[in-house]
Amino acid sequence: QVQLVESGGELVQAGGSLRLSCAASGRTFTSYAMGWFRQAPGKEREFVAVSSSSGAYTVYADSVKGRFTISRDNAKNTVYLQMNSLKPEDTANYYCAGSKYYTRDQTRFTSWGQGTQVTVSS
C-alpha cells in the first residue's frame, strides 16, 4: 500500500479555481490507479475522477466533467486535481485514494488520505 497526504483545499469563491495535490510515499505508487473522491456534509462519499497508473487514461463523474482535470507526476509520486469553474455544490472534503484496479468503485481502493476541505462560497 501507499501512504497518501492531500493538500490544497481552501475557501474559494464560485467561479474560482483550486489545485489539490496528493503526495504518496512508497515505491509502488506507479503501479496504482489513483482516484479522487469527495464527501459533502450529510452525504455519502462519491467518485470524482480516476487516473490509470500511467496517467494515460482518466474517467470523470458527470458532475465535474469539463471542469476538473486529474493528472499525476510519477516522478514526484504525486497526483493532482485541477478544479476550475467551481460551484457551491463542489463544497466537500476531498480524498485521494489508490487502487490496484483502474476503477471508479471506491470499494476497490485500499489506500486513502485524510482528506482536504474545499469550500466554495456563492
N, C-alpha and C. Protein backbone atom coordinates (compact mmCIF):
# COMPACT_ATOMS: atom_id res chain seq x y z
N GLN A 1 0.83 -1.19 0.00
CA GLN A 1 0.00 0.00 0.00
C GLN A 1 0.87 1.25 0.00
N VAL A 2 0.23 2.36 -0.32
CA VAL A 2 0.91 3.65 -0.28
C VAL A 2 0.26 4.51 0.78
N GLN A 3 1.04 5.43 1.33
CA GLN A 3 0.51 6.41 2.27
C GLN A 3 0.27 7.70 1.51
N LEU A 4 -0.86 8.32 1.75
CA LEU A 4 -1.30 9.46 0.96
C LEU A 4 -1.59 10.66 1.83
N VAL A 5 -1.15 11.84 1.38
CA VAL A 5 -1.41 13.08 2.11
C VAL A 5 -1.89 14.13 1.11
N GLU A 6 -3.13 14.60 1.32
CA GLU A 6 -3.70 15.63 0.44
C GLU A 6 -3.37 17.02 0.96
N SER A 7 -3.40 17.98 0.05
CA SER A 7 -3.25 19.39 0.41
C SER A 7 -3.89 20.23 -0.67
N GLY A 8 -4.07 21.52 -0.36
CA GLY A 8 -4.57 22.45 -1.36
C GLY A 8 -6.00 22.92 -1.16
N GLY A 9 -6.72 22.28 -0.26
CA GLY A 9 -8.10 22.69 -0.05
C GLY A 9 -8.16 24.02 0.69
N GLU A 10 -9.15 24.85 0.32
CA GLU A 10 -9.35 26.12 1.00
C GLU A 10 -10.70 26.70 0.62
N LEU A 11 -10.98 27.86 1.13
CA LEU A 11 -12.20 28.59 0.79
C LEU A 11 -11.97 29.38 -0.50
N VAL A 12 -12.89 29.25 -1.45
CA VAL A 12 -12.78 29.95 -2.73
C VAL A 12 -14.16 30.40 -3.18
N GLN A 13 -14.20 31.47 -3.95
CA GLN A 13 -15.49 31.96 -4.45
C GLN A 13 -15.94 31.14 -5.65
N ALA A 14 -17.23 31.10 -5.84
CA ALA A 14 -17.78 30.43 -7.00
C ALA A 14 -17.18 31.01 -8.27
N GLY A 15 -16.86 30.10 -9.21
CA GLY A 15 -16.21 30.51 -10.44
C GLY A 15 -14.69 30.45 -10.38
N GLY A 16 -14.18 30.29 -9.18
CA GLY A 16 -12.73 30.25 -8.99
C GLY A 16 -12.14 28.89 -9.27
N SER A 17 -10.84 28.78 -9.03
CA SER A 17 -10.10 27.55 -9.30
C SER A 17 -9.25 27.16 -8.10
N LEU A 18 -9.00 25.87 -7.98
CA LEU A 18 -8.09 25.32 -6.98
C LEU A 18 -7.38 24.13 -7.59
N ARG A 19 -6.19 23.88 -7.08
CA ARG A 19 -5.49 22.64 -7.44
C ARG A 19 -5.17 21.88 -6.16
N LEU A 20 -5.71 20.69 -6.08
CA LEU A 20 -5.41 19.79 -4.97
C LEU A 20 -4.23 18.91 -5.34
N SER A 21 -3.43 18.60 -4.33
CA SER A 21 -2.30 17.70 -4.51
C SER A 21 -2.42 16.53 -3.55
N CYS A 22 -1.88 15.42 -3.96
CA CYS A 22 -1.86 14.23 -3.11
C CYS A 22 -0.48 13.60 -3.25
N ALA A 23 0.29 13.70 -2.18
CA ALA A 23 1.65 13.15 -2.18
C ALA A 23 1.62 11.73 -1.63
N ALA A 24 2.28 10.84 -2.33
CA ALA A 24 2.30 9.43 -1.94
C ALA A 24 3.70 9.01 -1.52
N SER A 25 3.75 8.17 -0.54
CA SER A 25 5.02 7.56 -0.15
C SER A 25 4.94 6.08 -0.43
N GLY A 26 6.07 5.49 -0.72
CA GLY A 26 6.08 4.07 -1.06
C GLY A 26 6.51 3.88 -2.50
N ARG A 27 7.14 2.75 -2.73
CA ARG A 27 7.73 2.51 -4.05
C ARG A 27 6.74 1.94 -5.04
N THR A 28 5.49 1.72 -4.61
CA THR A 28 4.52 1.09 -5.50
C THR A 28 3.57 2.09 -6.13
N PHE A 29 3.82 3.39 -5.95
CA PHE A 29 2.89 4.40 -6.45
C PHE A 29 2.62 4.22 -7.93
N THR A 30 3.65 3.95 -8.70
CA THR A 30 3.49 3.89 -10.15
C THR A 30 2.67 2.69 -10.61
N SER A 31 2.39 1.77 -9.72
CA SER A 31 1.57 0.62 -10.08
C SER A 31 0.11 0.82 -9.69
N TYR A 32 -0.20 1.94 -9.06
CA TYR A 32 -1.55 2.20 -8.58
C TYR A 32 -2.32 3.14 -9.49
N ALA A 33 -3.56 2.80 -9.75
CA ALA A 33 -4.50 3.80 -10.25
C ALA A 33 -4.82 4.73 -9.08
N MET A 34 -4.99 6.00 -9.38
CA MET A 34 -5.25 6.99 -8.33
C MET A 34 -6.56 7.70 -8.60
N GLY A 35 -7.34 7.84 -7.56
CA GLY A 35 -8.63 8.47 -7.70
C GLY A 35 -8.84 9.60 -6.71
N TRP A 36 -9.79 10.45 -7.05
CA TRP A 36 -10.26 11.48 -6.13
C TRP A 36 -11.74 11.21 -5.84
N PHE A 37 -12.10 11.35 -4.58
CA PHE A 37 -13.48 11.20 -4.13
C PHE A 37 -13.80 12.40 -3.25
N ARG A 38 -15.07 12.62 -3.01
CA ARG A 38 -15.45 13.73 -2.13
C ARG A 38 -16.67 13.36 -1.32
N GLN A 39 -16.77 14.02 -0.16
CA GLN A 39 -17.92 13.79 0.72
C GLN A 39 -18.37 15.12 1.28
N ALA A 40 -19.61 15.46 0.97
CA ALA A 40 -20.23 16.67 1.49
C ALA A 40 -20.95 16.33 2.79
N PRO A 41 -21.17 17.32 3.64
CA PRO A 41 -21.86 17.05 4.91
C PRO A 41 -23.22 16.41 4.69
N GLY A 42 -23.47 15.33 5.40
CA GLY A 42 -24.75 14.65 5.31
C GLY A 42 -24.94 13.80 4.07
N LYS A 43 -23.88 13.68 3.26
CA LYS A 43 -23.99 12.89 2.03
C LYS A 43 -22.96 11.77 2.03
N GLU A 44 -23.20 10.80 1.17
CA GLU A 44 -22.24 9.72 1.04
C GLU A 44 -21.04 10.18 0.21
N ARG A 45 -19.93 9.51 0.43
CA ARG A 45 -18.75 9.80 -0.36
C ARG A 45 -18.99 9.38 -1.81
N GLU A 46 -18.55 10.23 -2.75
CA GLU A 46 -18.82 9.95 -4.15
C GLU A 46 -17.55 10.06 -4.98
N PHE A 47 -17.57 9.37 -6.09
CA PHE A 47 -16.46 9.36 -7.03
C PHE A 47 -16.36 10.71 -7.74
N VAL A 48 -15.12 11.17 -7.96
CA VAL A 48 -14.89 12.40 -8.71
C VAL A 48 -14.11 12.10 -10.00
N ALA A 49 -12.96 11.45 -9.86
CA ALA A 49 -12.11 11.19 -11.03
C ALA A 49 -11.12 10.09 -10.70
N VAL A 50 -10.65 9.42 -11.74
CA VAL A 50 -9.63 8.39 -11.57
C VAL A 50 -8.65 8.47 -12.73
N SER A 51 -7.39 8.19 -12.42
CA SER A 51 -6.32 8.13 -13.42
C SER A 51 -5.71 6.74 -13.40
N SER A 52 -5.43 6.21 -14.57
CA SER A 52 -4.73 4.94 -14.64
C SER A 52 -3.31 5.11 -14.08
N SER A 53 -2.62 4.01 -13.88
CA SER A 53 -1.29 4.08 -13.27
C SER A 53 -0.31 4.90 -14.09
N SER A 54 -0.45 4.89 -15.39
CA SER A 54 0.45 5.65 -16.26
C SER A 54 -0.01 7.09 -16.44
N GLY A 55 -1.29 7.32 -16.14
CA GLY A 55 -1.86 8.64 -16.39
C GLY A 55 -2.46 8.79 -17.77
N ALA A 56 -2.37 7.74 -18.57
CA ALA A 56 -2.84 7.84 -19.95
C ALA A 56 -4.36 7.81 -20.06
N TYR A 57 -5.00 7.24 -19.07
CA TYR A 57 -6.45 7.10 -19.10
C TYR A 57 -7.07 7.74 -17.87
N THR A 58 -8.19 8.41 -18.09
CA THR A 58 -8.90 9.07 -17.00
C THR A 58 -10.40 8.92 -17.19
N VAL A 59 -11.12 8.96 -16.07
CA VAL A 59 -12.58 8.94 -16.08
C VAL A 59 -13.05 9.98 -15.06
N TYR A 60 -14.16 10.65 -15.40
CA TYR A 60 -14.69 11.68 -14.52
C TYR A 60 -16.17 11.44 -14.23
N ALA A 61 -16.58 11.90 -13.07
CA ALA A 61 -18.00 11.94 -12.77
C ALA A 61 -18.64 12.99 -13.69
N ASP A 62 -19.88 12.75 -14.06
CA ASP A 62 -20.57 13.68 -14.95
C ASP A 62 -20.64 15.09 -14.35
N SER A 63 -20.73 15.17 -13.04
CA SER A 63 -20.90 16.46 -12.38
C SER A 63 -19.65 17.35 -12.48
N VAL A 64 -18.50 16.76 -12.78
CA VAL A 64 -17.27 17.55 -12.84
C VAL A 64 -16.63 17.54 -14.22
N LYS A 65 -17.18 16.75 -15.12
CA LYS A 65 -16.58 16.62 -16.45
C LYS A 65 -16.51 17.99 -17.14
N GLY A 66 -15.36 18.28 -17.70
CA GLY A 66 -15.16 19.57 -18.37
C GLY A 66 -14.70 20.68 -17.45
N ARG A 67 -14.76 20.45 -16.14
CA ARG A 67 -14.32 21.46 -15.17
C ARG A 67 -13.09 21.00 -14.37
N PHE A 68 -13.03 19.72 -14.08
CA PHE A 68 -11.94 19.17 -13.27
C PHE A 68 -11.01 18.35 -14.17
N THR A 69 -9.73 18.33 -13.79
CA THR A 69 -8.74 17.53 -14.50
C THR A 69 -7.84 16.81 -13.50
N ILE A 70 -7.78 15.49 -13.63
CA ILE A 70 -6.87 14.71 -12.80
C ILE A 70 -5.59 14.47 -13.59
N SER A 71 -4.47 14.57 -12.91
CA SER A 71 -3.19 14.30 -13.54
C SER A 71 -2.24 13.74 -12.49
N ARG A 72 -1.15 13.18 -12.95
CA ARG A 72 -0.18 12.63 -12.00
C ARG A 72 1.22 12.82 -12.53
N ASP A 73 2.14 12.95 -11.59
CA ASP A 73 3.56 13.04 -11.90
C ASP A 73 4.22 11.87 -11.18
N ASN A 74 4.47 10.81 -11.90
CA ASN A 74 5.00 9.61 -11.27
C ASN A 74 6.44 9.80 -10.77
N ALA A 75 7.15 10.75 -11.34
CA ALA A 75 8.50 11.04 -10.85
C ALA A 75 8.46 11.69 -9.48
N LYS A 76 7.35 12.37 -9.19
CA LYS A 76 7.19 13.04 -7.90
C LYS A 76 6.25 12.31 -6.96
N ASN A 77 5.74 11.16 -7.40
CA ASN A 77 4.78 10.40 -6.58
C ASN A 77 3.61 11.28 -6.14
N THR A 78 3.08 12.04 -7.07
CA THR A 78 2.03 12.99 -6.73
C THR A 78 0.91 12.93 -7.77
N VAL A 79 -0.31 13.03 -7.29
CA VAL A 79 -1.47 13.14 -8.16
C VAL A 79 -2.17 14.46 -7.84
N TYR A 80 -2.73 15.06 -8.88
CA TYR A 80 -3.33 16.38 -8.76
C TYR A 80 -4.80 16.35 -9.18
N LEU A 81 -5.54 17.31 -8.69
CA LEU A 81 -6.89 17.54 -9.18
C LEU A 81 -7.03 19.05 -9.41
N GLN A 82 -7.02 19.44 -10.67
CA GLN A 82 -7.24 20.83 -11.03
C GLN A 82 -8.74 21.06 -11.14
N MET A 83 -9.24 22.01 -10.37
CA MET A 83 -10.67 22.27 -10.32
C MET A 83 -10.93 23.70 -10.79
N ASN A 84 -11.66 23.84 -11.88
CA ASN A 84 -12.00 25.14 -12.43
C ASN A 84 -13.51 25.35 -12.38
N SER A 85 -13.90 26.59 -12.53
CA SER A 85 -15.33 26.95 -12.55
C SER A 85 -16.06 26.32 -11.36
N LEU A 86 -15.51 26.50 -10.20
CA LEU A 86 -16.06 25.86 -9.00
C LEU A 86 -17.44 26.39 -8.67
N LYS A 87 -18.26 25.50 -8.16
CA LYS A 87 -19.64 25.80 -7.79
C LYS A 87 -19.82 25.52 -6.30
N PRO A 88 -20.80 26.16 -5.67
CA PRO A 88 -21.05 25.86 -4.25
C PRO A 88 -21.30 24.37 -3.98
N GLU A 89 -21.90 23.69 -4.94
CA GLU A 89 -22.17 22.26 -4.76
C GLU A 89 -20.91 21.40 -4.82
N ASP A 90 -19.76 22.01 -5.15
CA ASP A 90 -18.49 21.29 -5.09
C ASP A 90 -17.91 21.27 -3.68
N THR A 91 -18.53 22.00 -2.75
CA THR A 91 -18.07 22.03 -1.38
C THR A 91 -18.11 20.63 -0.77
N ALA A 92 -16.95 20.18 -0.28
CA ALA A 92 -16.84 18.83 0.27
C ALA A 92 -15.44 18.63 0.81
N ASN A 93 -15.28 17.53 1.52
CA ASN A 93 -13.96 17.05 1.88
C ASN A 93 -13.48 16.14 0.75
N TYR A 94 -12.33 16.44 0.20
CA TYR A 94 -11.82 15.70 -0.95
C TYR A 94 -10.73 14.73 -0.50
N TYR A 95 -10.86 13.49 -0.97
CA TYR A 95 -9.93 12.44 -0.61
C TYR A 95 -9.25 11.89 -1.87
N CYS A 96 -7.96 11.62 -1.76
CA CYS A 96 -7.33 10.85 -2.82
C CYS A 96 -7.19 9.41 -2.32
N ALA A 97 -7.13 8.50 -3.26
CA ALA A 97 -7.09 7.09 -2.91
C ALA A 97 -6.36 6.31 -4.00
N GLY A 98 -5.79 5.19 -3.62
CA GLY A 98 -5.05 4.35 -4.55
C GLY A 98 -5.65 2.97 -4.66
N SER A 99 -5.59 2.43 -5.86
CA SER A 99 -6.13 1.11 -6.11
C SER A 99 -5.26 0.37 -7.11
N LYS A 100 -5.21 -0.94 -6.98
CA LYS A 100 -4.52 -1.75 -7.98
C LYS A 100 -5.38 -1.92 -9.23
N TYR A 101 -6.62 -1.42 -9.18
CA TYR A 101 -7.54 -1.55 -10.30
C TYR A 101 -7.91 -0.17 -10.82
N TYR A 102 -8.01 -0.05 -12.11
CA TYR A 102 -8.46 1.19 -12.74
C TYR A 102 -9.98 1.16 -12.72
N THR A 103 -10.56 1.81 -11.74
CA THR A 103 -11.99 1.68 -11.47
C THR A 103 -12.50 2.94 -10.79
N ARG A 104 -13.80 3.15 -10.86
CA ARG A 104 -14.43 4.23 -10.10
C ARG A 104 -15.11 3.69 -8.84
N ASP A 105 -15.02 2.40 -8.64
CA ASP A 105 -15.63 1.75 -7.49
C ASP A 105 -14.77 1.98 -6.26
N GLN A 106 -15.25 2.78 -5.34
CA GLN A 106 -14.43 3.15 -4.19
C GLN A 106 -14.12 1.96 -3.28
N THR A 107 -14.90 0.90 -3.35
CA THR A 107 -14.61 -0.28 -2.53
C THR A 107 -13.34 -0.98 -2.99
N ARG A 108 -12.87 -0.66 -4.19
CA ARG A 108 -11.65 -1.27 -4.72
C ARG A 108 -10.40 -0.47 -4.35
N PHE A 109 -10.58 0.65 -3.68
CA PHE A 109 -9.46 1.49 -3.30
C PHE A 109 -9.03 1.12 -1.88
N THR A 110 -7.75 0.80 -1.72
CA THR A 110 -7.25 0.27 -0.45
C THR A 110 -6.42 1.27 0.34
N SER A 111 -5.96 2.33 -0.31
CA SER A 111 -5.17 3.35 0.39
C SER A 111 -5.91 4.68 0.28
N TRP A 112 -6.05 5.34 1.42
CA TRP A 112 -6.81 6.60 1.47
C TRP A 112 -6.02 7.66 2.23
N GLY A 113 -6.14 8.90 1.78
CA GLY A 113 -5.62 10.02 2.52
C GLY A 113 -6.61 10.48 3.58
N GLN A 114 -6.24 11.52 4.30
CA GLN A 114 -7.08 12.02 5.40
C GLN A 114 -8.10 13.04 4.93
N GLY A 115 -7.93 13.54 3.71
CA GLY A 115 -8.88 14.49 3.15
C GLY A 115 -8.42 15.92 3.28
N THR A 116 -8.92 16.76 2.38
CA THR A 116 -8.66 18.20 2.43
C THR A 116 -9.97 18.90 2.10
N GLN A 117 -10.30 19.92 2.87
CA GLN A 117 -11.60 20.58 2.76
C GLN A 117 -11.59 21.66 1.68
N VAL A 118 -12.57 21.57 0.82
CA VAL A 118 -12.81 22.59 -0.20
C VAL A 118 -14.17 23.22 0.09
N THR A 119 -14.18 24.54 0.21
CA THR A 119 -15.42 25.26 0.45
C THR A 119 -15.58 26.33 -0.63
N VAL A 120 -16.69 26.28 -1.33
CA VAL A 120 -16.96 27.23 -2.41
C VAL A 120 -18.11 28.12 -1.97
N SER A 121 -17.84 29.41 -1.87
CA SER A 121 -18.87 30.36 -1.44
C SER A 121 -19.58 30.94 -2.66
N SER A 122 -20.85 31.23 -2.47
CA SER A 122 -21.65 31.77 -3.59
C SER A 122 -21.59 33.28 -3.63
